[in-house]
């Protein structure tokens, strides 16, 4: 399942807040998770790294008279950017994970409420079924008494319903 399909599913879940109900930070965390957690981001990141190395190597090798690329080998500026990215990415991953936990919690609370509602409906249905059974038994008893009192008006006993206990 692709990222957009998953995103659209949980955004439409009735137990998950979305849109204007979210704070700016929550919306930013959702966007960040959806972008940084995607294959296009990974491929674009690798493409930038490769281009950086290729351009700097060409400029470094092509330079003469002491000229070299804007970030000469061993790419110290690139290493600095990658270190900063690692530091920021750790925080970004924690923020995205916290938002995902909040979504899972909202879904769990919604599911628990629905489960409680369903349990109440099943209990009510069971009680109504028991009442119907009592009334059906009373009706059978009335038929038996009438059959004894008025033999010519005998009504055949209805078959017992095996589905009702």
C-alpha atoms as a PDB file:
ATOM      1  CA  UNK A   1       0.000   0.000   0.000  1.00  0.00           C
ATOM      2  CA  UNK A   2       1.499   3.337  -0.946  1.00  0.00           C
ATOM      3  CA  UNK A   3       1.992   6.219   1.469  1.00  0.00           C
ATOM      4  CA  UNK A   4      -0.866   8.314   0.069  1.00  0.00           C
ATOM      5  CA  UNK A   5      -3.359   5.469   0.443  1.00  0.00           C
ATOM      6  CA  UNK A   6      -2.392   4.954   4.105  1.00  0.00           C
ATOM      7  CA  UNK A   7      -2.480   8.712   4.776  1.00  0.00           C
ATOM      8  CA  UNK A   8      -5.935   9.071   3.273  1.00  0.00           C
ATOM      9  CA  UNK A   9      -7.254   6.112   5.266  1.00  0.00           C
ATOM     10  CA  UNK A  10      -6.317   7.280   8.719  1.00  0.00           C
ATOM     11  CA  UNK A  11      -7.270  10.873   7.929  1.00  0.00           C
ATOM     12  CA  UNK A  12     -10.792   9.636   7.169  1.00  0.00           C
ATOM     13  CA  UNK A  13     -11.001   7.522  10.336  1.00  0.00           C
ATOM     14  CA  UNK A  14     -13.794   8.953  12.523  1.00  0.00           C
ATOM     15  CA  UNK A  15     -11.673   8.629  15.670  1.00  0.00           C
ATOM     16  CA  UNK A  16      -8.702  10.615  14.341  1.00  0.00           C
ATOM     17  CA  UNK A  17      -8.590  14.389  14.430  1.00  0.00           C
ATOM     18  CA  UNK A  18      -7.603  16.023  11.144  1.00  0.00           C
ATOM     19  CA  UNK A  19      -7.542  19.320   9.299  1.00  0.00           C
ATOM     20  CA  UNK A  20      -8.395  22.342  11.419  1.00  0.00           C
ATOM     21  CA  UNK A  21      -8.617  20.172  14.560  1.00  0.00           C
ATOM     22  CA  UNK A  22      -4.833  19.715  14.499  1.00  0.00           C
ATOM     23  CA  UNK A  23      -2.278  22.156  15.828  1.00  0.00           C
ATOM     24  CA  UNK A  24       0.317  23.602  13.458  1.00  0.00           C
ATOM     25  CA  UNK A  25       2.944  21.337  15.038  1.00  0.00           C
ATOM     26  CA  UNK A  26       0.826  18.218  14.473  1.00  0.00           C
ATOM     27  CA  UNK A  27       0.255  19.144  10.828  1.00  0.00           C
ATOM     28  CA  UNK A  28       3.993  19.777  10.398  1.00  0.00           C
ATOM     29  CA  UNK A  29       4.797  16.401  12.003  1.00  0.00           C
ATOM     30  CA  UNK A  30       2.378  14.680   9.619  1.00  0.00           C
ATOM     31  CA  UNK A  31       3.947  16.372   6.593  1.00  0.00           C
ATOM     32  CA  UNK A  32       7.456  15.636   7.812  1.00  0.00           C
ATOM     33  CA  UNK A  33       6.636  11.957   8.416  1.00  0.00           C
ATOM     34  CA  UNK A  34       4.992  11.635   5.008  1.00  0.00           C
ATOM     35  CA  UNK A  35       7.916  13.281   3.192  1.00  0.00           C
ATOM     36  CA  UNK A  36      10.927  11.934   5.100  1.00  0.00           C
ATOM     37  CA  UNK A  37       9.455   8.458   5.336  1.00  0.00           C
ATOM     38  CA  UNK A  38       9.069   8.046   1.588  1.00  0.00           C
ATOM     39  CA  UNK A  39      11.169   6.409  -1.109  1.00  0.00           C
ATOM     40  CA  UNK A  40      11.278   9.577  -3.235  1.00  0.00           C
ATOM     41  CA  UNK A  41      12.955  11.380  -0.318  1.00  0.00           C
ATOM     42  CA  UNK A  42      15.546   8.609   0.080  1.00  0.00           C
ATOM     43  CA  UNK A  43      16.321   8.556  -3.647  1.00  0.00           C
ATOM     44  CA  UNK A  44      16.503  12.371  -3.819  1.00  0.00           C
ATOM     45  CA  UNK A  45      18.844  12.397  -0.813  1.00  0.00           C
ATOM     46  CA  UNK A  46      21.167   9.873  -2.471  1.00  0.00           C
ATOM     47  CA  UNK A  47      21.024  11.822  -5.742  1.00  0.00           C
ATOM     48  CA  UNK A  48      22.081  15.044  -3.989  1.00  0.00           C
ATOM     49  CA  UNK A  49      24.946  13.248  -2.239  1.00  0.00           C
ATOM     50  CA  UNK A  50      26.179  11.691  -5.496  1.00  0.00           C
ATOM     51  CA  UNK A  51      25.875  15.001  -7.383  1.00  0.00           C
ATOM     52  CA  UNK A  52      27.803  16.778  -4.601  1.00  0.00           C
ATOM     53  CA  UNK A  53      30.626  14.240  -4.839  1.00  0.00           C
ATOM     54  CA  UNK A  54      30.685  14.255  -8.667  1.00  0.00           C
ATOM     55  CA  UNK A  55      30.636  18.062  -9.020  1.00  0.00           C
ATOM     56  CA  UNK A  56      33.304  18.533  -6.357  1.00  0.00           C
ATOM     57  CA  UNK A  57      35.493  15.800  -7.830  1.00  0.00           C
ATOM     58  CA  UNK A  58      35.249  17.309 -11.329  1.00  0.00           C
ATOM     59  CA  UNK A  59      36.040  20.786 -10.003  1.00  0.00           C
ATOM     60  CA  UNK A  60      38.867  19.397  -7.854  1.00  0.00           C
ATOM     61  CA  UNK A  61      40.455  17.395 -10.653  1.00  0.00           C
ATOM     62  CA  UNK A  62      39.908  20.106 -13.240  1.00  0.00           C
ATOM     63  CA  UNK A  63      41.372  22.831 -11.075  1.00  0.00           C
ATOM     64  CA  UNK A  64      44.855  24.038 -11.808  1.00  0.00           C
ATOM     65  CA  UNK A  65      47.168  26.544 -10.178  1.00  0.00           C
ATOM     66  CA  UNK A  66      45.942  25.607  -6.680  1.00  0.00           C
ATOM     67  CA  UNK A  67      42.226  25.911  -7.540  1.00  0.00           C
ATOM     68  CA  UNK A  68      39.890  23.242  -6.266  1.00  0.00           C
ATOM     69  CA  UNK A  69      36.186  22.511  -5.812  1.00  0.00           C
ATOM     70  CA  UNK A  70      34.030  24.410  -3.353  1.00  0.00           C
ATOM     71  CA  UNK A  71      34.275  21.436  -0.942  1.00  0.00           C
ATOM     72  CA  UNK A  72      37.570  19.659  -1.596  1.00  0.00           C
ATOM     73  CA  UNK A  73      38.074  16.000  -0.832  1.00  0.00           C
ATOM     74  CA  UNK A  74      37.273  14.539   1.801  1.00  0.00           C
ATOM     75  CA  UNK A  75      34.178  16.781   1.524  1.00  0.00           C
ATOM     76  CA  UNK A  76      34.374  18.422   4.922  1.00  0.00           C
ATOM     77  CA  UNK A  77      31.408  20.706   4.258  1.00  0.00           C
ATOM     78  CA  UNK A  78      29.297  17.717   3.192  1.00  0.00           C
ATOM     79  CA  UNK A  79      30.289  15.899   6.386  1.00  0.00           C
ATOM     80  CA  UNK A  80      29.266  18.951   8.403  1.00  0.00           C
ATOM     81  CA  UNK A  81      25.856  19.064   6.679  1.00  0.00           C
ATOM     82  CA  UNK A  82      25.331  15.331   7.177  1.00  0.00           C
ATOM     83  CA  UNK A  83      26.191  15.618  10.876  1.00  0.00           C
ATOM     84  CA  UNK A  84      23.736  18.485  11.293  1.00  0.00           C
ATOM     85  CA  UNK A  85      21.115  16.528   9.349  1.00  0.00           C
ATOM     86  CA  UNK A  86      21.617  13.505  11.633  1.00  0.00           C
ATOM     87  CA  UNK A  87      21.087  15.672  14.710  1.00  0.00           C
ATOM     88  CA  UNK A  88      17.938  17.271  13.323  1.00  0.00           C
ATOM     89  CA  UNK A  89      16.669  14.003  11.879  1.00  0.00           C
ATOM     90  CA  UNK A  90      16.790  12.310  15.286  1.00  0.00           C
ATOM     91  CA  UNK A  91      14.488  14.992  16.685  1.00  0.00           C
ATOM     92  CA  UNK A  92      12.302  14.832  13.571  1.00  0.00           C
ATOM     93  CA  UNK A  93      11.909  11.069  13.910  1.00  0.00           C
ATOM     94  CA  UNK A  94      10.929  11.426  17.564  1.00  0.00           C
ATOM     95  CA  UNK A  95       8.351  14.083  16.679  1.00  0.00           C
ATOM     96  CA  UNK A  96       6.932  11.918  13.885  1.00  0.00           C
ATOM     97  CA  UNK A  97       6.841   8.862  16.163  1.00  0.00           C
ATOM     98  CA  UNK A  98       5.068  10.866  18.872  1.00  0.00           C
ATOM     99  CA  UNK A  99       2.440  11.994  16.328  1.00  0.00           C
ATOM    100  CA  UNK A 100       1.986   8.408  15.111  1.00  0.00           C
ATOM    101  CA  UNK A 101       1.481   7.287  18.715  1.00  0.00           C
ATOM    102  CA  UNK A 102      -1.141  10.013  19.172  1.00  0.00           C
ATOM    103  CA  UNK A 103      -2.983   8.780  16.059  1.00  0.00           C
ATOM    104  CA  UNK A 104      -2.841   5.172  17.282  1.00  0.00           C
ATOM    105  CA  UNK A 105      -4.143   6.304  20.680  1.00  0.00           C
ATOM    106  CA  UNK A 106      -7.070   8.185  19.099  1.00  0.00           C
ATOM    107  CA  UNK A 107      -7.963   5.102  17.043  1.00  0.00           C
ATOM    108  CA  UNK A 108      -7.723   2.856  20.127  1.00  0.00           C
ATOM    109  CA  UNK A 109      -9.997   5.145  22.167  1.00  0.00           C
ATOM    110  CA  UNK A 110     -12.497   5.248  19.296  1.00  0.00           C
ATOM    111  CA  UNK A 111     -12.380   1.454  18.974  1.00  0.00           C
ATOM    112  CA  UNK A 112     -12.860   0.981  22.720  1.00  0.00           C
ATOM    113  CA  UNK A 113     -15.917   3.264  22.697  1.00  0.00           C
ATOM    114  CA  UNK A 114     -17.384   1.364  19.742  1.00  0.00           C
ATOM    115  CA  UNK A 115     -16.691  -1.959  21.462  1.00  0.00           C
ATOM    116  CA  UNK A 116     -18.474  -0.764  24.606  1.00  0.00           C
ATOM    117  CA  UNK A 117     -21.435   0.380  22.494  1.00  0.00           C
ATOM    118  CA  UNK A 118     -21.563  -3.000  20.736  1.00  0.00           C
ATOM    119  CA  UNK A 119     -21.408  -4.861  24.064  1.00  0.00           C
ATOM    120  CA  UNK A 120     -24.382  -2.814  25.295  1.00  0.00           C
ATOM    121  CA  UNK A 121     -26.322  -3.596  22.096  1.00  0.00           C
ATOM    122  CA  UNK A 122     -25.556  -7.317  22.394  1.00  0.00           C
ATOM    123  CA  UNK A 123     -26.704  -7.314  26.039  1.00  0.00           C
ATOM    124  CA  UNK A 124     -29.909  -5.500  25.060  1.00  0.00           C
ATOM    125  CA  UNK A 125     -30.479  -7.946  22.193  1.00  0.00           C
ATOM    126  CA  UNK A 126     -29.933 -10.904  24.550  1.00  0.00           C
ATOM    127  CA  UNK A 127     -32.448  -9.480  27.035  1.00  0.00           C
ATOM    128  CA  UNK A 128     -35.035  -8.929  24.273  1.00  0.00           C
ATOM    129  CA  UNK A 129     -34.479 -12.472  22.967  1.00  0.00           C
ATOM    130  CA  UNK A 130     -35.045 -13.860  26.457  1.00  0.00           C
ATOM    131  CA  UNK A 131     -38.290 -11.854  26.760  1.00  0.00           C
ATOM    132  CA  UNK A 132     -39.479 -13.195  23.401  1.00  0.00           C
ATOM    133  CA  UNK A 133     -38.676 -16.733  24.601  1.00  0.00           C
ATOM    134  CA  UNK A 134     -40.703 -16.222  27.817  1.00  0.00           C
ATOM    135  CA  UNK A 135     -43.651 -14.851  25.840  1.00  0.00           C
ATOM    136  CA  UNK A 136     -43.434 -17.691  23.309  1.00  0.00           C
ATOM    137  CA  UNK A 137     -43.438 -20.241  26.142  1.00  0.00           C
ATOM    138  CA  UNK A 138     -46.511 -18.539  27.637  1.00  0.00           C
ATOM    139  CA  UNK A 139     -48.234 -18.687  24.254  1.00  0.00           C
ATOM    140  CA  UNK A 140     -47.513 -22.426  24.005  1.00  0.00           C
ATOM    141  CA  UNK A 141     -48.946 -22.894  27.498  1.00  0.00           C
ATOM    142  CA  UNK A 142     -52.119 -21.006  26.546  1.00  0.00           C
ATOM    143  CA  UNK A 143     -52.514 -23.203  23.449  1.00  0.00           C
ATOM    144  CA  UNK A 144     -52.211 -26.344  25.568  1.00  0.00           C
ATOM    145  CA  UNK A 145     -54.846 -25.119  28.041  1.00  0.00           C
ATOM    146  CA  UNK A 146     -57.214 -24.177  25.227  1.00  0.00           C
ATOM    147  CA  UNK A 147     -56.749 -27.592  23.640  1.00  0.00           C
ATOM    148  CA  UNK A 148     -57.831 -29.251  26.900  1.00  0.00           C
ATOM    149  CA  UNK A 149     -60.821 -26.942  27.444  1.00  0.00           C
ATOM    150  CA  UNK A 150     -62.083 -26.898  23.860  1.00  0.00           C
ATOM    151  CA  UNK A 151     -61.055 -30.187  22.191  1.00  0.00           C
ATOM    152  CA  UNK A 152     -62.847 -29.430  18.886  1.00  0.00           C
ATOM    153  CA  UNK A 153     -60.895 -26.181  18.563  1.00  0.00           C
ATOM    154  CA  UNK A 154     -57.590 -27.978  18.977  1.00  0.00           C
ATOM    155  CA  UNK A 155     -54.770 -26.092  17.408  1.00  0.00           C
ATOM    156  CA  UNK A 156     -51.674 -27.986  16.435  1.00  0.00           C
ATOM    157  CA  UNK A 157     -48.741 -27.191  18.690  1.00  0.00           C
ATOM    158  CA  UNK A 158     -46.259 -25.093  16.800  1.00  0.00           C
ATOM    159  CA  UNK A 159     -42.919 -26.803  16.429  1.00  0.00           C
ATOM    160  CA  UNK A 160     -40.269 -25.812  18.944  1.00  0.00           C
ATOM    161  CA  UNK A 161     -37.838 -23.354  17.462  1.00  0.00           C
ATOM    162  CA  UNK A 162     -34.401 -24.890  17.856  1.00  0.00           C
ATOM    163  CA  UNK A 163     -32.787 -21.466  17.397  1.00  0.00           C
ATOM    164  CA  UNK A 164     -34.297 -20.105  20.653  1.00  0.00           C
ATOM    165  CA  UNK A 165     -33.066 -21.545  23.904  1.00  0.00           C
END
